Protein backbone atom coordinates (compact mmCIF):
# COMPACT_ATOMS: atom_id res chain seq x y z
CA MET A 1 13.12 -2.53 8.28
CA SER A 2 14.04 -3.16 4.67
CA VAL A 3 11.53 -1.92 2.03
CA GLU A 4 10.52 -4.80 -0.18
CA LEU A 5 8.27 -2.53 -2.63
CA PRO A 6 10.38 -0.74 -5.46
CA PHE A 7 10.13 2.83 -5.27
CA ALA A 8 9.26 3.62 -9.08
CA PRO A 9 5.95 2.38 -8.95
CA VAL A 10 5.29 4.26 -5.74
CA ASP A 11 6.41 7.16 -6.87
CA THR A 12 4.02 6.77 -10.00
CA VAL A 13 1.02 6.35 -7.76
CA ILE A 14 2.08 9.72 -5.96
CA ARG A 15 2.42 11.48 -9.62
CA ARG A 16 -0.84 10.32 -10.99
CA ASN A 17 -2.48 11.91 -7.84
CA ALA A 18 -0.40 14.94 -7.91
CA GLY A 19 -1.09 16.49 -11.16
CA GLN A 20 1.55 19.01 -11.87
CA LEU A 21 3.69 18.53 -8.60
CA ARG A 22 6.79 16.99 -8.55
CA VAL A 23 7.84 14.32 -6.17
CA SER A 24 10.57 13.71 -3.97
CA ALA A 25 12.52 10.24 -3.71
CA ASP A 26 11.94 10.46 -0.21
CA ALA A 27 8.41 10.95 -0.64
CA ALA A 28 7.91 7.65 -2.52
CA GLU A 29 10.19 5.97 0.01
CA GLU A 30 8.10 6.94 3.05
CA LEU A 31 5.01 6.05 1.32
CA ALA A 32 6.58 2.69 0.33
CA ARG A 33 7.49 2.01 4.01
CA ARG A 34 3.64 3.02 4.98
CA ILE A 35 2.09 0.56 2.37
CA GLN A 36 4.39 -2.17 3.56
CA ALA A 37 3.43 -1.79 6.97
CA ARG A 38 -0.27 -1.74 5.92
CA GLY A 39 0.09 -4.74 3.69
CA ALA A 40 1.70 -6.91 6.55
CA GLU A 41 -1.03 -5.60 8.81
CA LEU A 42 -3.62 -6.73 6.66
CA ALA A 43 -1.69 -10.07 5.88
CA GLU A 44 -1.99 -10.57 9.72
CA ASP A 45 -5.64 -10.05 9.59
CA ALA A 46 -6.34 -12.20 6.75
CA ALA A 47 -4.05 -15.09 8.60
CA ARG A 48 -6.42 -14.80 11.42
CA LYS A 49 -9.66 -15.42 9.22
CA ALA A 50 -8.12 -18.29 7.41
CA THR A 51 -7.06 -20.02 10.60
CA GLN A 52 -10.66 -19.61 12.07
CA ASP A 53 -11.84 -21.14 8.77
CA GLY A 54 -9.35 -24.04 9.23
CA ARG A 55 -7.22 -23.04 6.30
CA LYS A 56 -3.54 -22.51 5.68
CA THR A 57 -4.12 -20.56 2.47
CA LEU A 58 -5.11 -16.67 2.46
CA MET A 59 -7.76 -16.09 -0.22
CA ALA A 60 -8.76 -12.72 -1.74
CA GLU A 61 -11.93 -12.96 0.74
CA ASP A 62 -9.70 -12.90 3.76
CA PHE A 63 -8.69 -9.52 2.61
CA ASP A 64 -12.49 -8.37 2.44
CA ALA A 65 -11.16 -7.40 -0.94
CA THR A 66 -12.24 -8.42 -4.79
CA THR A 67 -9.79 -9.44 -7.02
CA VAL A 68 -9.13 -6.85 -9.46
CA ASP A 69 -7.27 -7.01 -13.05
CA LYS A 70 -3.71 -7.35 -12.10
CA ASP A 71 -2.69 -5.63 -15.47
CA LEU A 72 -4.60 -2.36 -14.31
CA LEU A 73 -2.04 -2.77 -11.20
CA GLU A 74 0.87 -0.29 -10.77
CA LEU A 75 2.15 -2.11 -7.91
CA PRO A 76 3.98 -5.32 -8.82
CA ILE A 77 2.63 -8.63 -7.19
CA ALA A 78 6.04 -10.28 -6.37
CA PRO A 79 6.95 -7.55 -3.76
CA ILE A 80 3.41 -7.79 -2.57
CA ASP A 81 3.69 -11.38 -2.03
CA ARG A 82 6.78 -10.89 0.22
CA ILE A 83 5.03 -8.10 2.01
CA ALA A 84 2.27 -10.38 2.81
CA ARG A 85 4.42 -12.78 4.21
CA LEU A 86 6.54 -10.64 6.52
CA ASP A 87 4.68 -10.86 9.91
CA ILE A 88 2.62 -14.19 9.34
CA ASP A 89 3.76 -17.77 9.99
CA ASP A 90 5.79 -19.64 7.19
CA GLN A 91 2.79 -22.32 7.54
CA TYR A 92 0.76 -19.94 5.33
CA ARG A 93 0.42 -19.84 1.52
CA VAL A 94 -1.06 -16.57 -0.21
CA SER A 95 -3.05 -17.59 -3.10
CA MET A 96 -2.19 -15.64 -6.42
CA ASN A 97 -6.13 -14.09 -6.07
CA ALA A 98 -5.28 -12.94 -2.51
CA ARG A 99 -1.79 -11.52 -3.74
CA ILE A 100 -3.68 -9.41 -6.33
CA ALA A 101 -6.32 -8.68 -4.06
CA LEU A 102 -3.84 -7.02 -1.52
CA ALA A 103 -2.08 -5.51 -4.17
CA GLY A 104 -5.57 -3.74 -5.38
CA GLU A 105 -6.14 -2.77 -1.76
CA LEU A 106 -2.89 -1.25 -1.00
CA GLU A 107 -2.72 0.64 -4.16
CA SER A 108 -6.04 2.32 -3.08
CA TYR A 109 -4.47 2.84 0.03
CA ALA A 110 -1.47 4.55 -1.59
CA ASP A 111 -3.88 6.52 -4.06
CA THR A 112 -5.58 7.89 -0.81
CA VAL A 113 -2.35 8.98 0.92
CA ALA A 114 -0.91 10.26 -2.35
CA THR A 115 -4.20 12.37 -3.14
CA ALA A 116 -3.91 14.01 0.73
CA ALA A 117 -0.09 14.31 0.43
CA ALA A 118 -0.76 16.50 -2.81
CA ILE A 119 -3.38 18.56 -1.12
CA LEU A 120 -0.98 19.42 1.82
CA ALA A 121 1.82 20.17 -0.43
CA ARG A 122 -0.39 22.77 -2.57
CA HIS A 123 -1.25 23.91 0.92
CA ALA A 124 2.17 24.64 1.87
CA ASP A 125 2.72 26.56 -1.66
CA ARG A 126 5.31 23.92 -2.48
CA ARG A 127 5.54 22.50 -6.18
CA THR A 128 7.08 19.01 -4.57
CA VAL A 129 5.38 16.45 -2.89
CA LYS A 130 7.81 15.36 0.06
CA ALA A 131 8.17 12.76 2.79
CA ASP A 132 6.76 15.36 5.44
CA ASP A 133 3.60 15.71 3.34
CA ILE A 134 3.16 11.86 3.84
CA THR A 135 4.00 11.80 7.41
CA THR A 136 1.75 14.92 8.05
CA TYR A 137 -1.21 12.85 6.33
CA TYR A 138 -0.80 10.43 9.01
CA GLU A 139 -0.77 12.72 11.71
CA LEU A 140 -4.15 14.55 10.10
CA GLU A 141 -5.56 11.14 9.06
CA PRO A 142 -8.89 11.51 10.93
CA TYR A 143 -9.58 15.07 9.28
CA PHE A 144 -9.39 13.31 5.75
CA GLU A 145 -11.98 10.89 6.21
């Protein structure tokens, strides 16, 4: 599976949650993959909601999210649009507010994962957040809630 999301903004999200820790390129790539999978999953759910309402356009409310100021987002909107369309039928359109809402949801999700990954890296007495920290978060996710 190719990753639609550029790694640089994902790296920035990890760094803002990691304090003085360094971030490996593999960690940014792993989190980008996880963000993409989560975004595609959310878009599938949103498409079902739109279909139930008799619409072919995904709206922000289909993501159970509010539209945030896109200028405050680190994740770029264009790749988020492509992520939203990965697993839904071509008949659907994704409104701009839905793209922004999805980007906000995914960035919040990335913040949660990055914070936990930084905790795991510190616990391992390392100065670098690695892909293993991202992967371990998903194994331990129920304990972080």
